[in-house]
Amino acid sequence: MSDSNRSSSSLWARIVALALLAFTVVSCGGPNLIDRMTTPRWGFCGTLVIIADLVALVDLLGDDLRSTGNKVLWTLAIVFMPVLGVILYFVFAKD
């Protein structure tokens, strides 16, 4: 296995581990993106979260260089973990 493949698989292992940890932490409280959008009053912070999530989703789905599987995984992370998913996306997925 070449060094680039090892570093790539190591990065994906870290992303998956962080996503699982984040899912565990975030799912214990707080709504996902869909619940947040259907709530009639979500406040200023909720509005910021929705805007950040929509910006991340538009950026992600408009990227032609990503594989479909990659797009699906990031979309699930952003939708079901709105705050942490968008942070992880902009930290790890943006090159």
C-alpha atoms as a PDB file:
ATOM      1  CA  MET A   1       0.000   0.000   0.000  1.00  0.00           C
ATOM      2  CA  SER A   2       1.452   3.377  -0.940  1.00  0.00           C
ATOM      3  CA  ASP A   3       1.878   6.236   1.517  1.00  0.00           C
ATOM      4  CA  SER A   4      -0.874   8.293  -0.111  1.00  0.00           C
ATOM      5  CA  ASN A   5      -3.339   5.399   0.200  1.00  0.00           C
ATOM      6  CA  ARG A   6      -2.379   4.893   3.853  1.00  0.00           C
ATOM      7  CA  SER A   7      -2.788   8.557   4.697  1.00  0.00           C
ATOM      8  CA  SER A   8      -6.093   8.658   2.817  1.00  0.00           C
ATOM      9  CA  SER A   9      -7.435   5.593   4.619  1.00  0.00           C
ATOM     10  CA  SER A  10      -6.146   6.969   7.923  1.00  0.00           C
ATOM     11  CA  LEU A  11      -7.963  10.233   7.287  1.00  0.00           C
ATOM     12  CA  TRP A  12     -11.183   8.382   6.460  1.00  0.00           C
ATOM     13  CA  ALA A  13     -10.822   6.274   9.608  1.00  0.00           C
ATOM     14  CA  ARG A  14     -10.508   9.455  11.675  1.00  0.00           C
ATOM     15  CA  ILE A  15     -13.501  11.029   9.934  1.00  0.00           C
ATOM     16  CA  VAL A  16     -15.645   7.952  10.523  1.00  0.00           C
ATOM     17  CA  ALA A  17     -14.584   7.788  14.173  1.00  0.00           C
ATOM     18  CA  LEU A  18     -15.343  11.482  14.664  1.00  0.00           C
ATOM     19  CA  ALA A  19     -18.681  11.127  12.899  1.00  0.00           C
ATOM     20  CA  LEU A  20     -19.695   8.204  15.097  1.00  0.00           C
ATOM     21  CA  LEU A  21     -18.654  10.068  18.216  1.00  0.00           C
ATOM     22  CA  ALA A  22     -20.442  13.198  17.041  1.00  0.00           C
ATOM     23  CA  PHE A  23     -23.572  11.237  16.203  1.00  0.00           C
ATOM     24  CA  THR A  24     -23.590   9.766  19.695  1.00  0.00           C
ATOM     25  CA  VAL A  25     -23.122  13.155  21.360  1.00  0.00           C
ATOM     26  CA  VAL A  26     -25.493  15.140  19.153  1.00  0.00           C
ATOM     27  CA  SER A  27     -28.276  12.564  19.000  1.00  0.00           C
ATOM     28  CA  CYS A  28     -28.657  12.697  22.783  1.00  0.00           C
ATOM     29  CA  GLY A  29     -30.225  16.131  22.522  1.00  0.00           C
ATOM     30  CA  GLY A  30     -31.329  18.620  19.949  1.00  0.00           C
ATOM     31  CA  PRO A  31     -33.265  18.185  16.747  1.00  0.00           C
ATOM     32  CA  ASN A  32     -31.893  17.219  13.387  1.00  0.00           C
ATOM     33  CA  LEU A  33     -32.131  19.613  10.448  1.00  0.00           C
ATOM     34  CA  ILE A  34     -35.562  18.433   9.310  1.00  0.00           C
ATOM     35  CA  ASP A  35     -37.088  18.755  12.797  1.00  0.00           C
ATOM     36  CA  ARG A  36     -35.459  22.138  13.216  1.00  0.00           C
ATOM     37  CA  MET A  37     -36.952  23.447   9.952  1.00  0.00           C
ATOM     38  CA  THR A  38     -40.491  22.222  10.730  1.00  0.00           C
ATOM     39  CA  THR A  39     -40.521  23.889  14.149  1.00  0.00           C
ATOM     40  CA  PRO A  40     -42.367  27.212  13.814  1.00  0.00           C
ATOM     41  CA  ARG A  41     -39.967  29.092  16.114  1.00  0.00           C
ATOM     42  CA  TRP A  42     -36.348  28.060  16.241  1.00  0.00           C
ATOM     43  CA  GLY A  43     -34.725  31.369  17.174  1.00  0.00           C
ATOM     44  CA  PHE A  44     -31.661  33.200  15.946  1.00  0.00           C
ATOM     45  CA  CYS A  45     -29.205  30.331  16.546  1.00  0.00           C
ATOM     46  CA  GLY A  46     -31.484  27.926  14.717  1.00  0.00           C
ATOM     47  CA  THR A  47     -31.589  30.282  11.766  1.00  0.00           C
ATOM     48  CA  LEU A  48     -27.786  30.447  11.675  1.00  0.00           C
ATOM     49  CA  VAL A  49     -27.552  26.649  11.820  1.00  0.00           C
ATOM     50  CA  ILE A  50     -30.014  26.248   8.952  1.00  0.00           C
ATOM     51  CA  ILE A  51     -28.178  28.822   6.816  1.00  0.00           C
ATOM     52  CA  ALA A  52     -24.799  27.168   7.486  1.00  0.00           C
ATOM     53  CA  ASP A  53     -26.247  23.725   6.688  1.00  0.00           C
ATOM     54  CA  LEU A  54     -27.813  24.916   3.445  1.00  0.00           C
ATOM     55  CA  VAL A  55     -24.564  26.597   2.374  1.00  0.00           C
ATOM     56  CA  ALA A  56     -22.656  23.382   3.104  1.00  0.00           C
ATOM     57  CA  LEU A  57     -25.197  21.237   1.230  1.00  0.00           C
ATOM     58  CA  VAL A  58     -25.167  23.508  -1.828  1.00  0.00           C
ATOM     59  CA  ASP A  59     -21.360  23.519  -1.801  1.00  0.00           C
ATOM     60  CA  LEU A  60     -21.231  19.745  -1.381  1.00  0.00           C
ATOM     61  CA  LEU A  61     -23.791  18.845  -4.025  1.00  0.00           C
ATOM     62  CA  GLY A  62     -22.306  21.303  -6.528  1.00  0.00           C
ATOM     63  CA  ASP A  63     -18.862  19.699  -6.302  1.00  0.00           C
ATOM     64  CA  ASP A  64     -18.383  17.540  -9.415  1.00  0.00           C
ATOM     65  CA  LEU A  65     -15.088  16.074  -8.182  1.00  0.00           C
ATOM     66  CA  ARG A  66     -16.679  14.114  -5.308  1.00  0.00           C
ATOM     67  CA  SER A  67     -18.027  10.597  -5.695  1.00  0.00           C
ATOM     68  CA  THR A  68     -21.699   9.906  -5.104  1.00  0.00           C
ATOM     69  CA  GLY A  69     -20.942   7.863  -1.997  1.00  0.00           C
ATOM     70  CA  ASN A  70     -18.898  10.698  -0.549  1.00  0.00           C
ATOM     71  CA  LYS A  71     -21.736  13.150  -1.207  1.00  0.00           C
ATOM     72  CA  VAL A  72     -24.284  10.833   0.416  1.00  0.00           C
ATOM     73  CA  LEU A  73     -22.181  10.366   3.563  1.00  0.00           C
ATOM     74  CA  TRP A  74     -21.545  14.088   4.004  1.00  0.00           C
ATOM     75  CA  THR A  75     -25.198  14.895   3.306  1.00  0.00           C
ATOM     76  CA  LEU A  76     -26.317  12.441   6.002  1.00  0.00           C
ATOM     77  CA  ALA A  77     -23.806  13.904   8.440  1.00  0.00           C
ATOM     78  CA  ILE A  78     -24.987  17.466   7.772  1.00  0.00           C
ATOM     79  CA  VAL A  79     -28.709  16.637   7.917  1.00  0.00           C
ATOM     80  CA  PHE A  80     -28.670  14.443  11.027  1.00  0.00           C
ATOM     81  CA  MET A  81     -25.973  16.367  12.924  1.00  0.00           C
ATOM     82  CA  PRO A  82     -26.621  19.964  11.832  1.00  0.00           C
ATOM     83  CA  VAL A  83     -24.046  21.763  13.962  1.00  0.00           C
ATOM     84  CA  LEU A  84     -21.269  19.202  14.177  1.00  0.00           C
ATOM     85  CA  GLY A  85     -21.836  17.914  10.640  1.00  0.00           C
ATOM     86  CA  VAL A  86     -21.329  21.337   9.070  1.00  0.00           C
ATOM     87  CA  ILE A  87     -18.253  21.974  11.231  1.00  0.00           C
ATOM     88  CA  LEU A  88     -16.738  18.611  10.255  1.00  0.00           C
ATOM     89  CA  TYR A  89     -17.549  19.269   6.604  1.00  0.00           C
ATOM     90  CA  PHE A  90     -15.827  22.644   6.465  1.00  0.00           C
ATOM     91  CA  VAL A  91     -12.823  21.430   8.507  1.00  0.00           C
ATOM     92  CA  PHE A  92     -12.173  18.032   6.917  1.00  0.00           C
ATOM     93  CA  ALA A  93     -13.904  17.903   3.529  1.00  0.00           C
ATOM     94  CA  LYS A  94     -12.876  21.266   2.119  1.00  0.00           C
ATOM     95  CA  ASP A  95      -9.468  21.063   0.444  1.00  0.00           C
END
